[in-house]
């Protein structure tokens, strides 16, 4: 058995179920706060909001994935210097609560993102949408999948075999539609966003604009529910890694905009460039 096949087996049988269960448990912590309306909102140094749900989800994921002994780079973790992480061969890239603004607004569009990175590339991911009880998972070369009706549970402990029985391959056949559906961030739009949309509309007059928060947009692209997504404001590596793999394994793509280059991870500066993402069926 090759070193790569051993790693693939470890991912499928051990690491992916660990990430799945960690995401569900984090979702349970988030939903408990969401239903309480007591968010304990503060501002971080970059003036973005953080709630008690962000912190609880981060702590839950750290506790769940601690036994793997894989280092964690999390939006809500301590700041790590580049010299500390630059030579990591494997790490977990985590956004415990992506879409904090959507969480605060009460519009249900928030996610838990967990990406397993090897040689600075995502090779497995779990992305959970707790309000909608939808889990998306992917592993490099093995496809992307949706699991429906995943209730947020503090004691989630599904095995690989239990998870495999629930998988629905992406993209979904039921996602067929005629109009050209373009997603934009609900909370982060710029003149450049609308310039790109105007150019797309010249090619596709049937363009339908959909405002959507968080990394859930990647999942909808992977499903085939939407066709295209452009982002022209700041995002960070933990915002995209999990969703990018899910989309790629469903046949889609994510490239920097307008350069058209792949996104890179574990950079000294963790900010992403502007980017655009396409579903498998997108022809633009």
C-alpha atoms as a PDB file:
ATOM      1  CA  UNK A   1       0.000   0.000   0.000  1.00  0.00           C
ATOM      2  CA  UNK A   2       1.423   3.385  -0.987  1.00  0.00           C
ATOM      3  CA  UNK A   3       1.883   6.303   1.395  1.00  0.00           C
ATOM      4  CA  UNK A   4      -0.880   8.180  -0.459  1.00  0.00           C
ATOM      5  CA  UNK A   5      -3.354   5.285  -0.177  1.00  0.00           C
ATOM      6  CA  UNK A   6      -2.610   4.993   3.549  1.00  0.00           C
ATOM      7  CA  UNK A   7      -3.381   8.707   3.932  1.00  0.00           C
ATOM      8  CA  UNK A   8      -6.573   8.339   1.867  1.00  0.00           C
ATOM      9  CA  UNK A   9      -7.701   5.512   4.149  1.00  0.00           C
ATOM     10  CA  UNK A  10      -6.910   7.528   7.278  1.00  0.00           C
ATOM     11  CA  UNK A  11      -8.883  10.474   5.932  1.00  0.00           C
ATOM     12  CA  UNK A  12     -11.905   8.397   4.972  1.00  0.00           C
ATOM     13  CA  UNK A  13     -12.021   6.176   8.059  1.00  0.00           C
ATOM     14  CA  UNK A  14     -10.805   8.507  10.791  1.00  0.00           C
ATOM     15  CA  UNK A  15     -10.219  12.168   9.985  1.00  0.00           C
ATOM     16  CA  UNK A  16     -13.328  12.937   7.925  1.00  0.00           C
ATOM     17  CA  UNK A  17     -15.694  11.435  10.552  1.00  0.00           C
ATOM     18  CA  UNK A  18     -13.809  13.428  13.202  1.00  0.00           C
ATOM     19  CA  UNK A  19     -14.329  16.631  11.236  1.00  0.00           C
ATOM     20  CA  UNK A  20     -17.986  15.754  10.593  1.00  0.00           C
ATOM     21  CA  UNK A  21     -18.716  15.196  14.283  1.00  0.00           C
ATOM     22  CA  UNK A  22     -16.759  18.281  15.346  1.00  0.00           C
ATOM     23  CA  UNK A  23     -18.779  20.429  12.925  1.00  0.00           C
ATOM     24  CA  UNK A  24     -22.091  19.022  14.175  1.00  0.00           C
ATOM     25  CA  UNK A  25     -21.122  19.599  17.813  1.00  0.00           C
ATOM     26  CA  UNK A  26     -20.010  23.144  17.002  1.00  0.00           C
ATOM     27  CA  UNK A  27     -23.333  23.644  15.236  1.00  0.00           C
ATOM     28  CA  UNK A  28     -25.139  22.555  18.389  1.00  0.00           C
ATOM     29  CA  UNK A  29     -23.239  25.151  20.430  1.00  0.00           C
ATOM     30  CA  UNK A  30     -24.049  27.822  17.835  1.00  0.00           C
ATOM     31  CA  UNK A  31     -27.756  26.993  17.671  1.00  0.00           C
ATOM     32  CA  UNK A  32     -28.061  27.078  21.458  1.00  0.00           C
ATOM     33  CA  UNK A  33     -26.845  30.691  21.424  1.00  0.00           C
ATOM     34  CA  UNK A  34     -28.872  31.537  18.306  1.00  0.00           C
ATOM     35  CA  UNK A  35     -32.091  30.516  20.011  1.00  0.00           C
ATOM     36  CA  UNK A  36     -31.223  32.426  23.195  1.00  0.00           C
ATOM     37  CA  UNK A  37     -30.863  35.881  21.556  1.00  0.00           C
ATOM     38  CA  UNK A  38     -28.010  36.595  24.017  1.00  0.00           C
ATOM     39  CA  UNK A  39     -25.070  36.874  21.621  1.00  0.00           C
ATOM     40  CA  UNK A  40     -22.536  38.827  23.754  1.00  0.00           C
ATOM     41  CA  UNK A  41     -21.320  40.788  20.706  1.00  0.00           C
ATOM     42  CA  UNK A  42     -17.875  42.421  20.653  1.00  0.00           C
ATOM     43  CA  UNK A  43     -15.650  43.883  17.942  1.00  0.00           C
ATOM     44  CA  UNK A  44     -12.307  42.328  17.005  1.00  0.00           C
ATOM     45  CA  UNK A  45      -9.221  44.366  16.105  1.00  0.00           C
ATOM     46  CA  UNK A  46     -10.300  44.448  12.445  1.00  0.00           C
ATOM     47  CA  UNK A  47     -13.698  45.850  13.518  1.00  0.00           C
ATOM     48  CA  UNK A  48     -15.582  42.682  12.561  1.00  0.00           C
ATOM     49  CA  UNK A  49     -18.040  41.272  15.108  1.00  0.00           C
ATOM     50  CA  UNK A  50     -17.494  38.231  17.298  1.00  0.00           C
ATOM     51  CA  UNK A  51     -20.114  36.566  19.488  1.00  0.00           C
ATOM     52  CA  UNK A  52     -20.106  34.026  22.283  1.00  0.00           C
ATOM     53  CA  UNK A  53     -21.230  31.509  19.637  1.00  0.00           C
ATOM     54  CA  UNK A  54     -17.954  32.024  17.708  1.00  0.00           C
ATOM     55  CA  UNK A  55     -15.955  31.315  20.856  1.00  0.00           C
ATOM     56  CA  UNK A  56     -18.006  28.297  21.917  1.00  0.00           C
ATOM     57  CA  UNK A  57     -17.819  26.774  18.439  1.00  0.00           C
ATOM     58  CA  UNK A  58     -14.042  27.315  18.330  1.00  0.00           C
ATOM     59  CA  UNK A  59     -13.560  25.660  21.725  1.00  0.00           C
ATOM     60  CA  UNK A  60     -15.815  22.757  20.740  1.00  0.00           C
ATOM     61  CA  UNK A  61     -13.860  22.084  17.549  1.00  0.00           C
ATOM     62  CA  UNK A  62     -10.505  22.339  19.345  1.00  0.00           C
ATOM     63  CA  UNK A  63     -11.701  19.852  21.965  1.00  0.00           C
ATOM     64  CA  UNK A  64     -13.113  17.434  19.384  1.00  0.00           C
ATOM     65  CA  UNK A  65     -10.081  17.494  17.113  1.00  0.00           C
ATOM     66  CA  UNK A  66      -7.450  17.692  19.850  1.00  0.00           C
ATOM     67  CA  UNK A  67      -6.913  13.888  19.857  1.00  0.00           C
ATOM     68  CA  UNK A  68      -5.786  14.039  16.207  1.00  0.00           C
ATOM     69  CA  UNK A  69      -2.763  16.096  17.324  1.00  0.00           C
ATOM     70  CA  UNK A  70      -3.031  18.046  14.084  1.00  0.00           C
ATOM     71  CA  UNK A  71      -2.369  21.784  14.534  1.00  0.00           C
ATOM     72  CA  UNK A  72      -5.388  24.051  14.099  1.00  0.00           C
ATOM     73  CA  UNK A  73      -5.369  27.434  12.383  1.00  0.00           C
ATOM     74  CA  UNK A  74      -8.687  29.025  13.322  1.00  0.00           C
ATOM     75  CA  UNK A  75     -10.224  32.437  12.793  1.00  0.00           C
ATOM     76  CA  UNK A  76     -10.985  32.569  16.500  1.00  0.00           C
ATOM     77  CA  UNK A  77      -7.744  30.983  17.720  1.00  0.00           C
ATOM     78  CA  UNK A  78      -4.614  32.765  18.826  1.00  0.00           C
ATOM     79  CA  UNK A  79      -2.702  34.639  16.152  1.00  0.00           C
ATOM     80  CA  UNK A  80       0.101  32.455  14.788  1.00  0.00           C
ATOM     81  CA  UNK A  81       3.250  33.928  13.312  1.00  0.00           C
ATOM     82  CA  UNK A  82       4.159  32.749   9.835  1.00  0.00           C
ATOM     83  CA  UNK A  83       7.447  31.289  11.112  1.00  0.00           C
ATOM     84  CA  UNK A  84       5.447  29.027  13.424  1.00  0.00           C
ATOM     85  CA  UNK A  85       3.214  27.570  10.709  1.00  0.00           C
ATOM     86  CA  UNK A  86       5.128  27.949   7.438  1.00  0.00           C
ATOM     87  CA  UNK A  87       6.559  24.410   7.542  1.00  0.00           C
ATOM     88  CA  UNK A  88       3.407  22.604   8.632  1.00  0.00           C
ATOM     89  CA  UNK A  89       2.899  19.526   6.456  1.00  0.00           C
ATOM     90  CA  UNK A  90      -0.631  19.004   7.760  1.00  0.00           C
ATOM     91  CA  UNK A  91      -3.039  21.282   9.605  1.00  0.00           C
ATOM     92  CA  UNK A  92      -6.723  22.026  10.097  1.00  0.00           C
ATOM     93  CA  UNK A  93      -8.004  25.340   8.733  1.00  0.00           C
ATOM     94  CA  UNK A  94     -11.153  26.298  10.623  1.00  0.00           C
ATOM     95  CA  UNK A  95     -13.824  28.961  10.673  1.00  0.00           C
ATOM     96  CA  UNK A  96     -15.982  27.992  13.666  1.00  0.00           C
ATOM     97  CA  UNK A  97     -18.792  30.374  12.687  1.00  0.00           C
ATOM     98  CA  UNK A  98     -18.646  31.762   9.167  1.00  0.00           C
ATOM     99  CA  UNK A  99     -21.212  34.470   8.567  1.00  0.00           C
ATOM    100  CA  UNK A 100     -21.229  36.078  11.998  1.00  0.00           C
ATOM    101  CA  UNK A 101     -23.020  39.131  10.584  1.00  0.00           C
ATOM    102  CA  UNK A 102     -25.749  36.886   9.184  1.00  0.00           C
ATOM    103  CA  UNK A 103     -25.951  35.111  12.547  1.00  0.00           C
ATOM    104  CA  UNK A 104     -26.452  38.440  14.337  1.00  0.00           C
ATOM    105  CA  UNK A 105     -29.068  39.556  11.800  1.00  0.00           C
ATOM    106  CA  UNK A 106     -30.976  36.313  12.341  1.00  0.00           C
ATOM    107  CA  UNK A 107     -31.146  35.287   8.686  1.00  0.00           C
ATOM    108  CA  UNK A 108     -29.951  31.672   9.164  1.00  0.00           C
ATOM    109  CA  UNK A 109     -27.084  31.839   6.633  1.00  0.00           C
ATOM    110  CA  UNK A 110     -24.139  30.801   8.798  1.00  0.00           C
ATOM    111  CA  UNK A 111     -21.837  27.805   8.595  1.00  0.00           C
ATOM    112  CA  UNK A 112     -19.094  25.804  10.305  1.00  0.00           C
ATOM    113  CA  UNK A 113     -16.032  25.272   8.082  1.00  0.00           C
ATOM    114  CA  UNK A 114     -13.361  22.622   8.728  1.00  0.00           C
ATOM    115  CA  UNK A 115     -10.667  21.917   6.121  1.00  0.00           C
ATOM    116  CA  UNK A 116      -7.864  19.354   6.389  1.00  0.00           C
ATOM    117  CA  UNK A 117      -4.787  20.783   4.684  1.00  0.00           C
ATOM    118  CA  UNK A 118      -1.795  18.747   3.463  1.00  0.00           C
ATOM    119  CA  UNK A 119       1.125  20.549   1.817  1.00  0.00           C
ATOM    120  CA  UNK A 120      -1.035  23.703   1.908  1.00  0.00           C
ATOM    121  CA  UNK A 121      -3.814  22.137  -0.165  1.00  0.00           C
ATOM    122  CA  UNK A 122      -7.229  21.120   1.113  1.00  0.00           C
ATOM    123  CA  UNK A 123      -7.664  17.352   0.810  1.00  0.00           C
ATOM    124  CA  UNK A 124     -10.804  16.865   2.924  1.00  0.00           C
ATOM    125  CA  UNK A 125     -13.471  19.130   4.342  1.00  0.00           C
ATOM    126  CA  UNK A 126     -16.720  19.288   6.254  1.00  0.00           C
ATOM    127  CA  UNK A 127     -19.012  22.296   5.951  1.00  0.00           C
ATOM    128  CA  UNK A 128     -22.098  22.361   8.147  1.00  0.00           C
ATOM    129  CA  UNK A 129     -25.144  24.618   7.819  1.00  0.00           C
ATOM    130  CA  UNK A 130     -26.745  24.075  11.243  1.00  0.00           C
ATOM    131  CA  UNK A 131     -29.970  26.019  10.802  1.00  0.00           C
ATOM    132  CA  UNK A 132     -30.794  24.162   7.583  1.00  0.00           C
ATOM    133  CA  UNK A 133     -29.407  20.882   8.987  1.00  0.00           C
ATOM    134  CA  UNK A 134     -27.283  20.264   5.885  1.00  0.00           C
ATOM    135  CA  UNK A 135     -23.765  18.831   5.926  1.00  0.00           C
ATOM    136  CA  UNK A 136     -21.435  18.954   2.942  1.00  0.00           C
ATOM    137  CA  UNK A 137     -18.308  16.785   2.852  1.00  0.00           C
ATOM    138  CA  UNK A 138     -15.572  16.184   0.305  1.00  0.00           C
ATOM    139  CA  UNK A 139     -12.262  14.381  -0.040  1.00  0.00           C
ATOM    140  CA  UNK A 140      -9.727  14.962  -2.790  1.00  0.00           C
ATOM    141  CA  UNK A 141     -10.412  12.598  -5.677  1.00  0.00           C
ATOM    142  CA  UNK A 142     -13.389  10.986  -3.923  1.00  0.00           C
ATOM    143  CA  UNK A 143     -16.149  13.465  -4.751  1.00  0.00           C
ATOM    144  CA  UNK A 144     -18.383  15.887  -2.862  1.00  0.00           C
ATOM    145  CA  UNK A 145     -21.549  14.943  -1.038  1.00  0.00           C
ATOM    146  CA  UNK A 146     -24.574  16.344   0.752  1.00  0.00           C
ATOM    147  CA  UNK A 147     -26.094  14.827   3.880  1.00  0.00           C
ATOM    148  CA  UNK A 148     -29.570  16.062   4.741  1.00  0.00           C
ATOM    149  CA  UNK A 149     -31.406  16.313   8.065  1.00  0.00           C
ATOM    150  CA  UNK A 150     -28.254  16.524  10.199  1.00  0.00           C
ATOM    151  CA  UNK A 151     -29.548  17.790  13.527  1.00  0.00           C
ATOM    152  CA  UNK A 152     -27.148  19.826  15.688  1.00  0.00           C
ATOM    153  CA  UNK A 153     -26.155  17.411  18.458  1.00  0.00           C
ATOM    154  CA  UNK A 154     -23.731  17.901  21.315  1.00  0.00           C
ATOM    155  CA  UNK A 155     -22.992  14.145  21.331  1.00  0.00           C
ATOM    156  CA  UNK A 156     -22.625  13.504  17.583  1.00  0.00           C
ATOM    157  CA  UNK A 157     -20.502  10.374  17.108  1.00  0.00           C
ATOM    158  CA  UNK A 158     -21.148   8.945  13.649  1.00  0.00           C
ATOM    159  CA  UNK A 159     -18.703   6.440  12.179  1.00  0.00           C
ATOM    160  CA  UNK A 160     -17.419   6.348   8.618  1.00  0.00           C
ATOM    161  CA  UNK A 161     -19.897   3.608   7.659  1.00  0.00           C
ATOM    162  CA  UNK A 162     -22.837   5.460   9.207  1.00  0.00           C
ATOM    163  CA  UNK A 163     -21.895   8.611   7.313  1.00  0.00           C
ATOM    164  CA  UNK A 164     -21.410   6.781   4.004  1.00  0.00           C
ATOM    165  CA  UNK A 165     -24.985   5.450   4.109  1.00  0.00           C
ATOM    166  CA  UNK A 166     -26.294   9.049   4.134  1.00  0.00           C
ATOM    167  CA  UNK A 167     -24.253  10.526   1.285  1.00  0.00           C
ATOM    168  CA  UNK A 168     -25.897  12.159  -1.727  1.00  0.00           C
ATOM    169  CA  UNK A 169     -23.495  12.878  -4.599  1.00  0.00           C
ATOM    170  CA  UNK A 170     -23.032  16.455  -5.810  1.00  0.00           C
ATOM    171  CA  UNK A 171     -24.044  18.152  -8.031  1.00  0.00           C
ATOM    172  CA  UNK A 172     -27.728  17.408  -7.490  1.00  0.00           C
ATOM    173  CA  UNK A 173     -29.891  16.354 -10.414  1.00  0.00           C
ATOM    174  CA  UNK A 174     -32.802  18.241  -8.837  1.00  0.00           C
ATOM    175  CA  UNK A 175     -30.971  21.579  -9.134  1.00  0.00           C
ATOM    176  CA  UNK A 176     -31.725  22.082 -12.854  1.00  0.00           C
ATOM    177  CA  UNK A 177     -32.874  25.598 -13.793  1.00  0.00           C
ATOM    178  CA  UNK A 178     -33.057  27.836 -16.858  1.00  0.00           C
ATOM    179  CA  UNK A 179     -32.007  31.316 -15.662  1.00  0.00           C
ATOM    180  CA  UNK A 180     -28.382  32.250 -14.917  1.00  0.00           C
ATOM    181  CA  UNK A 181     -28.132  32.487 -11.130  1.00  0.00           C
ATOM    182  CA  UNK A 182     -25.389  34.700  -9.724  1.00  0.00           C
ATOM    183  CA  UNK A 183     -24.621  34.875  -6.007  1.00  0.00           C
ATOM    184  CA  UNK A 184     -23.147  37.858  -4.212  1.00  0.00           C
ATOM    185  CA  UNK A 185     -22.351  38.417  -0.568  1.00  0.00           C
ATOM    186  CA  UNK A 186     -25.313  39.712   1.375  1.00  0.00           C
ATOM    187  CA  UNK A 187     -23.132  41.960   3.559  1.00  0.00           C
ATOM    188  CA  UNK A 188     -20.089  42.712   1.368  1.00  0.00           C
ATOM    189  CA  UNK A 189     -20.737  44.274  -2.050  1.00  0.00           C
ATOM    190  CA  UNK A 190     -18.653  46.902  -3.861  1.00  0.00           C
ATOM    191  CA  UNK A 191     -18.881  48.869  -7.130  1.00  0.00           C
ATOM    192  CA  UNK A 192     -16.539  46.245  -8.626  1.00  0.00           C
ATOM    193  CA  UNK A 193     -19.038  43.531  -7.715  1.00  0.00           C
ATOM    194  CA  UNK A 194     -21.763  45.282  -9.659  1.00  0.00           C
ATOM    195  CA  UNK A 195     -19.460  46.085 -12.583  1.00  0.00           C
ATOM    196  CA  UNK A 196     -18.797  42.361 -12.973  1.00  0.00           C
ATOM    197  CA  UNK A 197     -22.496  41.571 -12.722  1.00  0.00           C
ATOM    198  CA  UNK A 198     -23.334  44.180 -15.366  1.00  0.00           C
ATOM    199  CA  UNK A 199     -20.850  42.559 -17.766  1.00  0.00           C
ATOM    200  CA  UNK A 200     -22.316  39.129 -17.061  1.00  0.00           C
ATOM    201  CA  UNK A 201     -25.800  40.460 -17.703  1.00  0.00           C
ATOM    202  CA  UNK A 202     -24.694  41.555 -21.182  1.00  0.00           C
ATOM    203  CA  UNK A 203     -23.948  37.898 -21.914  1.00  0.00           C
ATOM    204  CA  UNK A 204     -26.884  36.519 -19.960  1.00  0.00           C
ATOM    205  CA  UNK A 205     -29.912  38.856 -19.887  1.00  0.00           C
ATOM    206  CA  UNK A 206     -31.708  36.167 -17.875  1.00  0.00           C
ATOM    207  CA  UNK A 207     -29.302  36.752 -14.967  1.00  0.00           C
ATOM    208  CA  UNK A 208     -30.934  36.413 -11.555  1.00  0.00           C
ATOM    209  CA  UNK A 209     -29.072  37.976  -8.622  1.00  0.00           C
ATOM    210  CA  UNK A 210     -29.119  36.065  -5.337  1.00  0.00           C
ATOM    211  CA  UNK A 211     -27.804  37.616  -2.113  1.00  0.00           C
ATOM    212  CA  UNK A 212     -26.429  34.947   0.180  1.00  0.00           C
ATOM    213  CA  UNK A 213     -24.277  35.014   3.296  1.00  0.00           C
ATOM    214  CA  UNK A 214     -21.314  32.875   4.366  1.00  0.00           C
ATOM    215  CA  UNK A 215     -19.577  29.943   2.677  1.00  0.00           C
ATOM    216  CA  UNK A 216     -22.999  28.427   2.036  1.00  0.00           C
ATOM    217  CA  UNK A 217     -22.586  29.969  -1.436  1.00  0.00           C
ATOM    218  CA  UNK A 218     -19.923  27.367  -2.260  1.00  0.00           C
ATOM    219  CA  UNK A 219     -22.356  24.625  -1.281  1.00  0.00           C
ATOM    220  CA  UNK A 220     -25.111  26.009  -3.481  1.00  0.00           C
ATOM    221  CA  UNK A 221     -22.618  26.176  -6.354  1.00  0.00           C
ATOM    222  CA  UNK A 222     -21.639  22.557  -5.683  1.00  0.00           C
ATOM    223  CA  UNK A 223     -25.305  21.553  -5.702  1.00  0.00           C
ATOM    224  CA  UNK A 224     -25.824  23.393  -8.987  1.00  0.00           C
ATOM    225  CA  UNK A 225     -28.487  25.562  -7.343  1.00  0.00           C
ATOM    226  CA  UNK A 226     -26.526  28.674  -8.336  1.00  0.00           C
ATOM    227  CA  UNK A 227     -24.121  29.096 -11.243  1.00  0.00           C
ATOM    228  CA  UNK A 228     -21.603  31.806 -10.407  1.00  0.00           C
ATOM    229  CA  UNK A 229     -20.263  33.778  -7.441  1.00  0.00           C
ATOM    230  CA  UNK A 230     -17.966  36.792  -7.474  1.00  0.00           C
ATOM    231  CA  UNK A 231     -16.252  38.266  -4.397  1.00  0.00           C
ATOM    232  CA  UNK A 232     -14.496  41.644  -4.518  1.00  0.00           C
ATOM    233  CA  UNK A 233     -14.020  42.311  -0.800  1.00  0.00           C
ATOM    234  CA  UNK A 234     -11.801  40.803   1.877  1.00  0.00           C
ATOM    235  CA  UNK A 235     -12.031  37.138   2.735  1.00  0.00           C
ATOM    236  CA  UNK A 236      -9.548  34.939   4.558  1.00  0.00           C
ATOM    237  CA  UNK A 237      -8.246  31.454   3.929  1.00  0.00           C
ATOM    238  CA  UNK A 238     -10.579  29.881   6.507  1.00  0.00           C
ATOM    239  CA  UNK A 239     -13.543  31.404   4.654  1.00  0.00           C
ATOM    240  CA  UNK A 240     -12.831  29.490   1.444  1.00  0.00           C
ATOM    241  CA  UNK A 241     -10.746  26.321   1.944  1.00  0.00           C
ATOM    242  CA  UNK A 242     -13.524  23.900   2.936  1.00  0.00           C
ATOM    243  CA  UNK A 243     -16.031  25.222   0.425  1.00  0.00           C
ATOM    244  CA  UNK A 244     -13.524  25.412  -2.418  1.00  0.00           C
ATOM    245  CA  UNK A 245     -12.770  21.680  -2.179  1.00  0.00           C
ATOM    246  CA  UNK A 246     -16.467  20.793  -2.025  1.00  0.00           C
ATOM    247  CA  UNK A 247     -17.076  22.852  -5.153  1.00  0.00           C
ATOM    248  CA  UNK A 248     -14.023  21.417  -6.960  1.00  0.00           C
ATOM    249  CA  UNK A 249     -15.026  17.828  -6.184  1.00  0.00           C
ATOM    250  CA  UNK A 250     -18.491  18.622  -7.565  1.00  0.00           C
ATOM    251  CA  UNK A 251     -16.882  19.704 -10.844  1.00  0.00           C
ATOM    252  CA  UNK A 252     -16.751  23.459 -10.235  1.00  0.00           C
ATOM    253  CA  UNK A 253     -13.865  25.899  -9.904  1.00  0.00           C
ATOM    254  CA  UNK A 254     -12.591  28.841  -7.863  1.00  0.00           C
ATOM    255  CA  UNK A 255     -10.030  31.257  -9.316  1.00  0.00           C
ATOM    256  CA  UNK A 256      -8.688  34.667  -8.398  1.00  0.00           C
ATOM    257  CA  UNK A 257     -10.443  37.574 -10.100  1.00  0.00           C
ATOM    258  CA  UNK A 258      -9.536  38.982 -12.543  1.00  0.00           C
ATOM    259  CA  UNK A 259      -6.186  37.112 -12.813  1.00  0.00           C
ATOM    260  CA  UNK A 260      -7.720  33.635 -13.021  1.00  0.00           C
ATOM    261  CA  UNK A 261      -5.154  31.933 -10.769  1.00  0.00           C
ATOM    262  CA  UNK A 262      -5.748  29.227  -8.106  1.00  0.00           C
ATOM    263  CA  UNK A 263      -6.116  30.387  -4.508  1.00  0.00           C
ATOM    264  CA  UNK A 264      -3.090  29.664  -2.307  1.00  0.00           C
ATOM    265  CA  UNK A 265      -3.123  28.657   1.359  1.00  0.00           C
ATOM    266  CA  UNK A 266      -0.950  29.087   4.447  1.00  0.00           C
ATOM    267  CA  UNK A 267       0.454  32.308   3.060  1.00  0.00           C
ATOM    268  CA  UNK A 268       2.187  34.851   5.270  1.00  0.00           C
ATOM    269  CA  UNK A 269      -0.827  37.118   4.720  1.00  0.00           C
ATOM    270  CA  UNK A 270      -3.949  34.998   5.204  1.00  0.00           C
ATOM    271  CA  UNK A 271      -6.149  37.310   3.138  1.00  0.00           C
ATOM    272  CA  UNK A 272      -7.477  35.916  -0.137  1.00  0.00           C
ATOM    273  CA  UNK A 273      -7.427  37.854  -3.397  1.00  0.00           C
ATOM    274  CA  UNK A 274     -10.726  38.711  -5.046  1.00  0.00           C
ATOM    275  CA  UNK A 275     -12.136  35.574  -6.640  1.00  0.00           C
ATOM    276  CA  UNK A 276     -14.896  34.112  -8.756  1.00  0.00           C
ATOM    277  CA  UNK A 277     -16.394  30.632  -8.425  1.00  0.00           C
ATOM    278  CA  UNK A 278     -18.324  28.610 -10.976  1.00  0.00           C
ATOM    279  CA  UNK A 279     -20.586  25.577 -10.750  1.00  0.00           C
ATOM    280  CA  UNK A 280     -19.922  22.489 -12.864  1.00  0.00           C
ATOM    281  CA  UNK A 281     -22.544  23.615 -15.369  1.00  0.00           C
ATOM    282  CA  UNK A 282     -21.491  27.265 -15.637  1.00  0.00           C
ATOM    283  CA  UNK A 283     -20.546  28.169 -19.219  1.00  0.00           C
ATOM    284  CA  UNK A 284     -19.273  31.720 -18.610  1.00  0.00           C
END
